[in-house]
Protein backbone atom coordinates (compact mmCIF):
# COMPACT_ATOMS: atom_id res chain seq x y z
CA ALA A 1 -0.11 0.30 -0.12
CA SER A 2 0.91 3.38 -0.28
CA THR A 3 1.57 6.36 1.85
CA ALA A 4 1.69 10.08 1.24
CA PRO A 5 5.40 11.51 1.61
CA THR A 6 5.76 12.51 4.80
CA LEU A 7 6.55 16.31 5.17
CA LEU A 8 10.29 17.68 5.37
CA ALA A 9 10.61 21.79 7.01
CA ARG A 10 13.07 23.02 5.70
CA PRO A 11 16.32 22.05 7.29
CA SER A 12 19.69 25.45 7.45
CA THR A 13 21.97 22.91 5.58
CA GLY A 14 22.10 19.66 4.17
CA ALA A 15 19.50 17.54 2.21
CA GLY A 16 17.13 20.75 1.19
CA SER A 17 18.15 23.58 2.33
CA LYS A 18 19.45 25.05 -1.35
CA PHE A 19 15.89 24.18 -2.28
CA SER A 20 14.19 27.89 -3.62
CA HIS A 21 14.02 30.26 -0.67
CA PRO A 22 10.80 32.63 -1.16
CA LEU A 23 9.21 30.57 -4.31
CA PRO A 24 10.12 32.26 -7.23
CA GLN A 25 6.84 34.68 -8.81
CA THR A 26 4.67 34.17 -5.41
CA GLY A 27 7.45 35.55 -3.12
CA ALA A 28 6.13 33.14 -0.82
CA ALA A 29 8.23 31.44 1.91
CA ASN A 30 9.17 27.94 1.17
CA ASN A 31 9.39 25.78 4.58
CA SER A 32 9.22 22.40 3.62
CA SER A 33 8.61 19.78 0.91
CA ALA A 34 8.13 16.23 0.26
CA ASN A 35 10.52 13.73 2.28
CA PHE A 36 9.70 10.03 -0.51
CA GLY A 37 12.00 8.46 1.83
CA THR A 38 14.51 5.32 0.34
CA ALA A 39 11.83 2.94 0.51
CA GLN A 40 9.85 3.91 -2.91
CA ALA A 41 7.29 3.56 -0.11
CA GLY A 42 4.44 6.53 -1.25
CA HIS A 43 3.28 9.73 -4.04
CA PHE A 44 1.23 12.37 -4.55
CA THR A 45 -2.53 11.50 -7.14
CA VAL A 46 -3.66 14.60 -8.84
CA ALA A 47 -6.76 13.22 -10.56
CA ASN A 48 -7.31 14.46 -13.88
CA THR A 49 -10.57 16.47 -14.34
CA GLY A 50 -10.91 16.68 -17.75
CA GLY A 51 -9.45 20.27 -18.42
CA TRP A 52 -5.52 20.10 -19.26
CA MET A 53 -3.63 17.73 -20.87
CA ASN A 54 -6.73 16.21 -21.71
CA ARG A 55 -7.11 18.08 -24.76
CA ALA A 56 -5.45 18.01 -28.66
CA SER A 57 -4.75 22.60 -28.75
CA ASP A 58 -2.38 20.94 -24.73
CA ALA A 59 -0.61 18.74 -26.53
CA LYS A 60 1.59 20.49 -28.37
CA ALA A 61 4.18 21.77 -25.42
CA LEU A 62 4.93 21.02 -21.54
CA THR A 63 7.86 22.24 -19.58
CA LEU A 64 8.44 19.63 -16.20
CA GLU A 65 9.95 21.43 -13.27
CA ALA A 66 10.97 20.23 -9.89
CA PHE A 67 13.87 21.14 -7.44
CA VAL A 68 15.12 17.30 -6.07
CA ASN A 69 17.72 15.08 -3.79
CA PRO A 70 17.60 11.71 -5.61
CA GLN A 71 19.27 9.73 -1.93
CA ALA A 72 18.73 6.22 -3.12
CA SER A 73 20.31 4.23 -5.51
CA HIS A 74 18.22 1.88 -8.12
CA THR A 75 17.82 -0.77 -10.00
CA ALA A 76 14.98 0.61 -12.16
CA ASN A 77 13.61 4.04 -13.09
CA THR A 78 12.39 6.36 -10.42
CA TYR A 79 10.00 8.96 -11.79
CA ILE A 80 9.34 13.10 -10.42
CA VAL A 81 6.27 13.02 -12.46
CA SER A 82 3.92 11.70 -13.73
CA HIS A 83 1.22 11.22 -16.36
CA TRP A 84 0.46 8.30 -17.39
CA ARG A 85 -0.66 4.78 -16.84
CA ALA A 86 0.69 1.36 -18.38
CA SER A 87 -3.09 0.25 -20.25
CA ALA A 88 -2.65 1.11 -24.60
CA GLY A 89 -3.86 5.18 -24.50
CA GLU A 90 -2.90 6.18 -21.88
CA ARG A 91 0.53 7.19 -22.24
CA SER A 92 2.05 10.00 -21.97
CA PHE A 93 5.08 11.90 -19.58
CA MET A 94 7.82 11.13 -17.15
CA LEU A 95 10.28 12.87 -15.72
CA GLY A 96 13.19 11.26 -13.98
CA ILE A 97 16.41 9.89 -13.32
CA ASN A 98 17.46 6.10 -14.74
CA SER A 99 19.19 3.40 -13.15
CA SER A 100 22.32 5.56 -13.23
CA ASN A 101 20.98 9.07 -11.82
CA THR A 102 20.86 10.20 -15.50
CA LEU A 103 18.33 12.75 -15.76
CA VAL A 104 15.35 11.31 -18.53
CA LEU A 105 12.17 12.67 -20.58
CA VAL A 106 9.24 9.30 -20.93
CA VAL A 107 6.51 10.32 -23.80
CA SER A 108 3.77 8.91 -25.71
CA SER A 109 2.59 9.94 -28.70
CA ASP A 110 -0.39 8.17 -28.98
CA GLY A 111 0.16 6.55 -26.06
CA SER A 112 1.11 3.75 -27.15
CA THR A 113 4.31 3.93 -28.87
CA THR A 114 6.53 5.37 -25.99
CA GLN A 115 10.17 6.83 -26.33
CA ASN A 116 12.71 7.06 -23.55
CA ILE A 117 14.95 9.70 -23.99
CA ALA A 118 18.13 10.62 -21.84
CA SER A 119 20.45 13.33 -20.94
CA ASN A 120 23.54 13.79 -20.61
CA PHE A 121 22.96 14.67 -17.21
CA THR A 122 23.39 12.63 -14.08
CA LEU A 123 22.38 13.96 -10.53
CA SER A 124 24.23 13.03 -7.28
CA LEU A 125 23.11 11.63 -3.74
CA ASN A 126 22.28 13.56 -1.28
CA THR A 127 22.64 16.61 -3.80
CA ASP A 128 19.80 19.54 -4.22
CA TYR A 129 19.14 19.99 -7.87
CA TYR A 130 17.11 21.84 -10.30
CA VAL A 131 15.60 20.01 -13.08
CA ALA A 132 13.37 20.61 -15.74
CA ALA A 133 12.57 18.80 -19.39
CA ALA A 134 10.46 20.94 -22.04
CA PHE A 135 9.05 18.92 -25.00
CA ASP A 136 7.29 21.61 -28.02
CA ALA A 137 5.82 19.07 -31.18
CA HIS A 138 6.79 22.20 -33.48
CA ASP A 139 10.79 21.64 -33.59
CA PRO A 140 12.05 18.21 -34.44
CA ALA A 141 15.13 18.97 -34.43
CA ALA A 142 15.62 21.32 -31.33
CA GLY A 143 12.57 20.54 -28.96
CA VAL A 144 13.94 18.30 -25.64
CA LYS A 145 15.68 20.29 -23.73
CA PHE A 146 16.44 19.47 -20.32
CA TYR A 147 18.26 21.80 -18.03
CA LEU A 148 20.29 21.31 -14.03
CA ARG A 149 21.47 23.05 -11.26
CA ASN A 150 23.65 21.64 -9.05
CA LEU A 151 21.91 24.03 -5.84
CA THR A 152 24.26 22.98 -2.61
CA SER A 153 27.37 23.38 -5.03
CA ASN A 154 25.69 26.34 -6.54
CA GLY A 155 26.67 26.16 -10.68
CA ALA A 156 24.89 27.47 -13.55
CA LEU A 157 22.09 26.47 -15.04
CA GLN A 158 23.24 24.54 -17.89
CA THR A 159 21.13 22.65 -20.99
CA GLN A 160 20.98 20.66 -23.39
CA SER A 161 18.52 20.55 -26.41
CA LEU A 162 17.83 17.16 -28.50
CA PRO A 163 15.89 16.06 -31.86
CA ASN A 164 11.69 15.79 -30.83
CA PRO A 165 10.72 11.74 -31.68
CA PHE A 166 7.64 12.59 -31.58
CA THR A 167 4.55 15.55 -33.54
CA THR A 168 2.66 15.35 -30.99
CA LEU A 169 1.75 14.55 -26.75
CA ASN A 170 -0.79 12.00 -26.37
CA ALA A 171 -3.91 13.22 -24.22
CA SER A 172 -3.63 10.88 -21.88
CA PRO A 173 -7.11 10.79 -19.45
CA ALA A 174 -4.39 9.62 -17.18
CA ALA A 175 -4.51 10.74 -13.76
CA VAL A 176 -1.03 13.15 -12.57
CA ASN A 177 0.71 11.69 -10.04
CA VAL A 178 4.02 13.10 -8.39
CA GLY A 179 6.88 10.18 -7.02
CA THR A 180 6.18 7.80 -9.60
CA TYR A 181 3.54 6.54 -12.43
CA ASN A 182 0.89 3.71 -12.64
CA ASN A 183 1.17 3.40 -8.52
CA ALA A 184 4.11 1.53 -9.20
CA SER A 185 6.20 0.75 -6.64
CA GLY A 186 9.36 -0.27 -7.50
CA SER A 187 9.29 3.53 -9.84
CA ARG A 188 8.87 5.16 -6.93
CA TRP A 189 10.63 8.60 -5.87
CA LYS A 190 14.15 7.86 -2.99
CA GLY A 191 14.81 11.24 -1.68
CA LEU A 192 13.01 14.86 -1.87
CA ILE A 193 11.36 16.71 -4.70
CA ASP A 194 9.41 20.73 -3.70
CA GLU A 195 8.08 22.88 -6.12
CA VAL A 196 6.54 21.43 -8.61
CA ARG A 197 5.74 23.06 -11.46
CA ILE A 198 4.07 20.98 -14.74
CA SER A 199 3.25 23.89 -18.05
CA ALA A 200 1.54 23.72 -21.17
CA GLU A 201 4.04 25.51 -23.42
CA ALA A 202 7.91 24.99 -23.82
CA LEU A 203 8.83 27.98 -21.56
CA HIS A 204 12.18 29.43 -22.29
CA PRO A 205 15.47 29.66 -20.35
CA SER A 206 14.28 33.30 -18.93
CA GLU A 207 11.06 31.86 -17.70
CA LEU A 208 11.88 28.46 -16.04
CA LEU A 209 11.03 28.60 -11.88
CA ILE A 210 15.39 28.38 -11.51
CA SER A 211 14.89 31.98 -13.66
CA THR A 212 11.94 33.81 -12.15
CA PRO A 213 12.91 35.92 -10.05
């Protein structure tokens, strides 16, 4: 059975201490993050109400963003955020890391055909990061963009552009999950996640959470 992640009060040092504070855009205090632990036991689910990403007009572009701190090794992909159920017609997108801790975006154009797109960005355990992936169906040559910033070391924002394999994303009726996909226990995130944002457009770097004052 799955349980909700625990709330981690923002520490002054260590894991989660470098997540944005205050919150980008709103300026509100960011006093906590979600602690998913290392036992792969919990996630959040947001029901699909028939609006966003269930319309074909919204399925041409998106940007996925989050602050994360991976805290344990794993043998399969683990996911930060997903709009995906392992049933025909219900696959759309997933952002996570693979067994080598490489940032990956998995997408489907029709709910059945899938593509696993791996970046060149590898995350170290117990390190705070900003991560993002953007998908633009109108740009086949460079329509997938990955973003990574090491917050613990106060590094620069890194960007990688890759070809886009699809001309659309599937408008899945599945729920949105944070910390897993399809309630799959083996694919649940190990560590911290904070400030997940999904935008129905491919954001310019200046519009990303990490770039917004």
